């Protein structure tokens, strides 16, 4: 009985916090969720669907009841990523997809390619609050199966591999860190995936990721700039969001078929 009261209180606090952070009522959130680091993605989603943008003290959101999808911008970094999963796990979401960007770490990669991370190296520290360091940060199998299906069906240039998650944003001129990065054999670097994967595993929250390669930071001229970032949004943002929406649609089909990997099927 005490445990049930504790869980009920945690749910109340989580839902109240989500409303405060998002400026949106819990009842407005749809069954499927896109999460991102970029407020521009929320603006695009809202404008293309003719829905309202809402903003609270931490998040920017929009909801499309017609498609049954909400999108949430949580800004940047692993602590914010952990917060999103902690709060969202108390709502009845069916699935979530992270639309993020990453630095590509292979010479053959090109800006605008996609990366489907199957796992993430836990270099950020936040994930240690959920599981010991030896527990791998793996993407949800069912969600990444949906991501792979959509990328192949749409014939998008993409790569599959491991991403290195770090809390360091300005590391490009640290030769020691760059050597560590190369030794890890990671295919990409970003700031959220390990936290998202570990926290969602802990919370039994079905979450996958579709990353856009935004820069090639190991190249001397490959570090992202204000100008290159703007060009990236103009050229790739709409496609990235629409691919995420198709991933959620594919996820629905897989769940309906009781495919392996859905936490609701295994809990």
Protein backbone atom coordinates (compact mmCIF):
# COMPACT_ATOMS: atom_id res chain seq x y z
CA UNK A 1 0.00 0.00 0.00
CA UNK A 2 2.83 2.40 0.87
CA UNK A 3 4.52 1.61 -2.44
CA UNK A 4 1.30 2.32 -4.34
CA UNK A 5 0.94 5.67 -2.60
CA UNK A 6 4.56 6.51 -3.44
CA UNK A 7 4.05 5.63 -7.11
CA UNK A 8 0.86 7.66 -7.25
CA UNK A 9 2.61 10.66 -5.73
CA UNK A 10 5.52 10.30 -8.18
CA UNK A 11 3.07 10.24 -11.08
CA UNK A 12 1.32 13.37 -9.85
CA UNK A 13 4.60 15.24 -9.46
CA UNK A 14 5.88 14.07 -12.86
CA UNK A 15 2.73 15.13 -14.67
CA UNK A 16 2.60 18.47 -12.85
CA UNK A 17 6.26 19.07 -13.70
CA UNK A 18 5.69 18.23 -17.37
CA UNK A 19 2.86 20.74 -17.52
CA UNK A 20 5.01 23.41 -15.89
CA UNK A 21 8.03 22.77 -18.07
CA UNK A 22 6.05 22.50 -21.32
CA UNK A 23 3.29 25.08 -20.81
CA UNK A 24 0.89 22.36 -21.95
CA UNK A 25 -1.70 20.21 -20.20
CA UNK A 26 -0.97 16.50 -19.83
CA UNK A 27 -4.25 15.70 -21.61
CA UNK A 28 -2.96 17.48 -24.72
CA UNK A 29 -0.08 15.05 -25.21
CA UNK A 30 -0.72 12.42 -27.86
CA UNK A 31 0.15 8.72 -27.79
CA UNK A 32 3.31 9.07 -29.85
CA UNK A 33 6.19 11.44 -29.18
CA UNK A 34 8.98 13.08 -31.12
CA UNK A 35 11.73 14.60 -28.98
CA UNK A 36 14.44 16.89 -30.27
CA UNK A 37 17.08 19.47 -29.33
CA UNK A 38 15.85 22.04 -31.77
CA UNK A 39 12.99 24.52 -31.35
CA UNK A 40 13.01 24.94 -35.13
CA UNK A 41 11.75 21.37 -35.43
CA UNK A 42 8.78 22.17 -33.22
CA UNK A 43 8.04 25.30 -35.27
CA UNK A 44 8.16 23.31 -38.51
CA UNK A 45 5.89 20.58 -37.13
CA UNK A 46 3.37 23.11 -35.85
CA UNK A 47 3.33 25.18 -39.05
CA UNK A 48 3.08 22.16 -41.35
CA UNK A 49 0.21 20.71 -39.28
CA UNK A 50 -1.56 23.98 -38.52
CA UNK A 51 -1.32 23.55 -34.75
CA UNK A 52 -0.25 25.80 -31.89
CA UNK A 53 3.22 25.99 -30.35
CA UNK A 54 3.34 26.03 -26.55
CA UNK A 55 6.29 26.83 -24.34
CA UNK A 56 6.92 26.50 -20.62
CA UNK A 57 9.91 27.07 -18.38
CA UNK A 58 12.05 24.40 -20.06
CA UNK A 59 10.39 22.79 -23.10
CA UNK A 60 8.74 23.85 -26.34
CA UNK A 61 5.96 21.58 -27.62
CA UNK A 62 3.24 21.12 -30.22
CA UNK A 63 0.47 18.54 -30.50
CA UNK A 64 -1.28 17.15 -33.56
CA UNK A 65 -4.37 15.14 -32.53
CA UNK A 66 -5.11 14.27 -36.17
CA UNK A 67 -1.86 12.28 -36.43
CA UNK A 68 -1.72 11.35 -32.74
CA UNK A 69 1.76 12.87 -32.34
CA UNK A 70 3.33 15.39 -29.98
CA UNK A 71 6.77 16.94 -30.47
CA UNK A 72 8.94 18.26 -27.63
CA UNK A 73 12.17 20.28 -27.72
CA UNK A 74 14.16 19.73 -24.52
CA UNK A 75 17.07 21.98 -25.52
CA UNK A 76 20.46 20.25 -25.15
CA UNK A 77 22.48 17.87 -23.02
CA UNK A 78 22.20 14.66 -21.05
CA UNK A 79 20.58 16.05 -17.85
CA UNK A 80 17.71 17.47 -19.91
CA UNK A 81 17.45 14.19 -21.83
CA UNK A 82 17.17 12.27 -18.56
CA UNK A 83 14.46 14.63 -17.34
CA UNK A 84 12.38 14.10 -20.46
CA UNK A 85 12.42 10.32 -20.08
CA UNK A 86 11.75 10.46 -16.34
CA UNK A 87 8.66 12.64 -16.87
CA UNK A 88 7.39 11.06 -20.10
CA UNK A 89 7.52 7.56 -18.61
CA UNK A 90 4.55 8.53 -16.40
CA UNK A 91 2.35 9.25 -19.43
CA UNK A 92 0.81 6.53 -21.64
CA UNK A 93 3.05 7.12 -24.64
CA UNK A 94 3.21 4.20 -27.05
CA UNK A 95 6.58 5.14 -28.52
CA UNK A 96 9.10 7.95 -28.83
CA UNK A 97 11.77 8.85 -31.38
CA UNK A 98 14.69 11.18 -30.74
CA UNK A 99 15.49 13.41 -33.72
CA UNK A 100 18.98 14.65 -32.97
CA UNK A 101 22.16 15.64 -34.74
CA UNK A 102 25.65 14.22 -34.45
CA UNK A 103 29.19 14.74 -35.62
CA UNK A 104 30.26 12.08 -38.10
CA UNK A 105 33.61 10.42 -37.32
CA UNK A 106 34.30 8.59 -40.59
CA UNK A 107 35.88 10.07 -43.72
CA UNK A 108 33.22 8.62 -46.02
CA UNK A 109 30.36 10.27 -44.15
CA UNK A 110 28.74 13.36 -45.59
CA UNK A 111 26.77 16.13 -43.96
CA UNK A 112 23.10 15.30 -44.43
CA UNK A 113 23.58 11.53 -44.14
CA UNK A 114 21.64 9.77 -41.39
CA UNK A 115 23.02 7.64 -38.59
CA UNK A 116 21.02 4.94 -36.84
CA UNK A 117 22.70 4.34 -33.47
CA UNK A 118 22.34 0.82 -32.12
CA UNK A 119 24.20 1.75 -28.94
CA UNK A 120 26.00 4.63 -27.27
CA UNK A 121 29.23 4.89 -25.29
CA UNK A 122 28.43 6.30 -21.87
CA UNK A 123 30.85 9.20 -21.74
CA UNK A 124 28.39 11.71 -20.34
CA UNK A 125 28.04 10.62 -16.70
CA UNK A 126 24.31 11.22 -16.29
CA UNK A 127 23.43 7.62 -17.17
CA UNK A 128 25.35 6.45 -14.09
CA UNK A 129 22.35 7.52 -12.01
CA UNK A 130 20.30 4.71 -13.61
CA UNK A 131 22.62 1.70 -13.97
CA UNK A 132 26.25 0.80 -13.18
CA UNK A 133 28.81 1.73 -15.82
CA UNK A 134 29.13 -1.82 -17.14
CA UNK A 135 25.51 -1.87 -18.35
CA UNK A 136 25.50 -1.06 -22.09
CA UNK A 137 23.41 1.79 -23.46
CA UNK A 138 21.41 0.05 -26.18
CA UNK A 139 18.71 1.54 -28.37
CA UNK A 140 15.30 -0.12 -28.10
CA UNK A 141 15.26 -2.94 -30.66
CA UNK A 142 11.70 -2.47 -31.90
CA UNK A 143 12.17 1.27 -32.36
CA UNK A 144 15.43 0.92 -34.26
CA UNK A 145 13.84 -1.79 -36.40
CA UNK A 146 11.24 0.80 -37.39
CA UNK A 147 13.97 3.38 -38.06
CA UNK A 148 15.86 0.95 -40.30
CA UNK A 149 12.71 0.05 -42.23
CA UNK A 150 11.89 3.70 -42.96
CA UNK A 151 15.43 4.63 -44.00
CA UNK A 152 15.60 1.68 -46.37
CA UNK A 153 12.09 2.22 -47.76
CA UNK A 154 12.83 5.90 -48.39
CA UNK A 155 16.25 5.02 -49.86
CA UNK A 156 18.06 7.47 -47.59
CA UNK A 157 21.84 7.36 -47.29
CA UNK A 158 22.47 6.14 -43.78
CA UNK A 159 24.99 4.46 -41.53
CA UNK A 160 24.57 2.10 -38.59
CA UNK A 161 26.86 2.11 -35.59
CA UNK A 162 27.79 3.34 -32.14
CA UNK A 163 27.75 6.93 -31.02
CA UNK A 164 29.88 8.47 -28.30
CA UNK A 165 27.81 10.54 -25.87
CA UNK A 166 29.65 13.35 -24.07
CA UNK A 167 28.75 16.33 -21.92
CA UNK A 168 31.57 18.32 -23.51
CA UNK A 169 30.32 20.65 -26.20
CA UNK A 170 33.57 22.40 -27.04
CA UNK A 171 36.02 19.51 -27.37
CA UNK A 172 37.19 19.87 -30.96
CA UNK A 173 40.52 21.47 -29.99
CA UNK A 174 41.42 19.00 -27.24
CA UNK A 175 43.85 16.55 -28.84
CA UNK A 176 43.76 14.19 -25.85
CA UNK A 177 40.00 13.85 -26.04
CA UNK A 178 40.14 13.41 -29.81
CA UNK A 179 42.54 10.48 -29.39
CA UNK A 180 40.21 8.92 -26.82
CA UNK A 181 37.36 9.37 -29.27
CA UNK A 182 39.29 7.70 -32.10
CA UNK A 183 40.33 4.82 -29.84
CA UNK A 184 36.68 4.17 -28.98
CA UNK A 185 35.94 3.35 -32.65
CA UNK A 186 32.64 5.23 -32.38
CA UNK A 187 31.00 6.26 -35.64
CA UNK A 188 29.57 9.54 -34.30
CA UNK A 189 29.57 11.90 -31.34
CA UNK A 190 26.65 13.71 -29.68
CA UNK A 191 25.35 14.66 -26.24
CA UNK A 192 22.17 12.71 -25.43
CA UNK A 193 21.83 9.16 -26.78
CA UNK A 194 23.49 7.19 -23.97
CA UNK A 195 21.32 8.96 -21.40
CA UNK A 196 18.16 8.47 -23.43
CA UNK A 197 18.86 4.78 -24.02
CA UNK A 198 19.78 3.97 -20.41
CA UNK A 199 16.98 6.03 -18.83
CA UNK A 200 14.35 4.60 -21.19
CA UNK A 201 15.58 1.07 -20.43
CA UNK A 202 15.25 1.75 -16.72
CA UNK A 203 11.78 3.27 -17.16
CA UNK A 204 10.58 0.68 -19.73
CA UNK A 205 9.91 3.50 -22.16
CA UNK A 206 10.07 2.53 -25.85
CA UNK A 207 12.48 5.03 -27.40
CA UNK A 208 14.63 5.03 -30.53
CA UNK A 209 16.83 7.54 -32.30
CA UNK A 210 17.38 8.88 -35.80
CA UNK A 211 20.41 11.15 -36.02
CA UNK A 212 21.33 13.58 -38.78
CA UNK A 213 25.05 14.03 -39.43
CA UNK A 214 25.44 17.77 -39.04
CA UNK A 215 29.22 18.16 -39.14
CA UNK A 216 32.50 16.29 -39.53
CA UNK A 217 34.42 17.59 -36.49
CA UNK A 218 37.62 15.60 -37.00
CA UNK A 219 38.20 17.38 -40.31
CA UNK A 220 40.07 20.68 -40.06
CA UNK A 221 37.23 22.49 -41.81
CA UNK A 222 34.42 20.29 -40.55
CA UNK A 223 33.44 21.98 -37.29
CA UNK A 224 29.88 23.30 -37.29
CA UNK A 225 29.46 27.06 -37.62
CA UNK A 226 26.53 29.43 -37.33
CA UNK A 227 26.25 29.57 -41.11
CA UNK A 228 26.53 25.82 -41.71
CA UNK A 229 23.95 25.13 -39.00
CA UNK A 230 21.45 27.44 -40.67
CA UNK A 231 22.02 25.77 -44.03
CA UNK A 232 21.47 22.40 -42.41
CA UNK A 233 18.07 23.43 -41.05
CA UNK A 234 17.02 24.87 -44.38
CA UNK A 235 18.04 21.78 -46.33
CA UNK A 236 17.31 18.86 -44.03
CA UNK A 237 14.95 19.81 -41.17
CA UNK A 238 11.66 19.06 -42.91
CA UNK A 239 12.84 15.68 -44.17
CA UNK A 240 14.21 14.72 -40.74
CA UNK A 241 10.91 15.48 -39.01
CA UNK A 242 8.84 13.70 -41.65
CA UNK A 243 11.06 10.62 -41.41
CA UNK A 244 10.51 10.61 -37.65
CA UNK A 245 6.76 10.67 -38.20
CA UNK A 246 7.05 7.73 -40.60
CA UNK A 247 9.08 5.84 -37.99
CA UNK A 248 6.26 6.29 -35.47
CA UNK A 249 3.74 5.04 -38.04
CA UNK A 250 5.89 1.98 -38.68
CA UNK A 251 6.19 1.42 -34.93
CA UNK A 252 2.40 1.26 -34.68
CA UNK A 253 2.37 -1.52 -37.27
CA UNK A 254 5.04 -3.50 -35.44
CA UNK A 255 3.27 -3.14 -32.08
CA UNK A 256 -0.02 -4.25 -33.64
CA UNK A 257 1.76 -7.40 -34.82
CA UNK A 258 3.11 -7.99 -31.28
CA UNK A 259 6.67 -7.75 -32.55
CA UNK A 260 9.49 -8.38 -30.08
CA UNK A 261 10.98 -5.41 -28.29
CA UNK A 262 7.91 -3.45 -27.17
CA UNK A 263 8.13 -2.92 -23.41
CA UNK A 264 4.37 -3.11 -23.04
CA UNK A 265 4.46 -6.60 -24.51
CA UNK A 266 7.21 -7.78 -22.19
CA UNK A 267 6.17 -6.12 -18.93
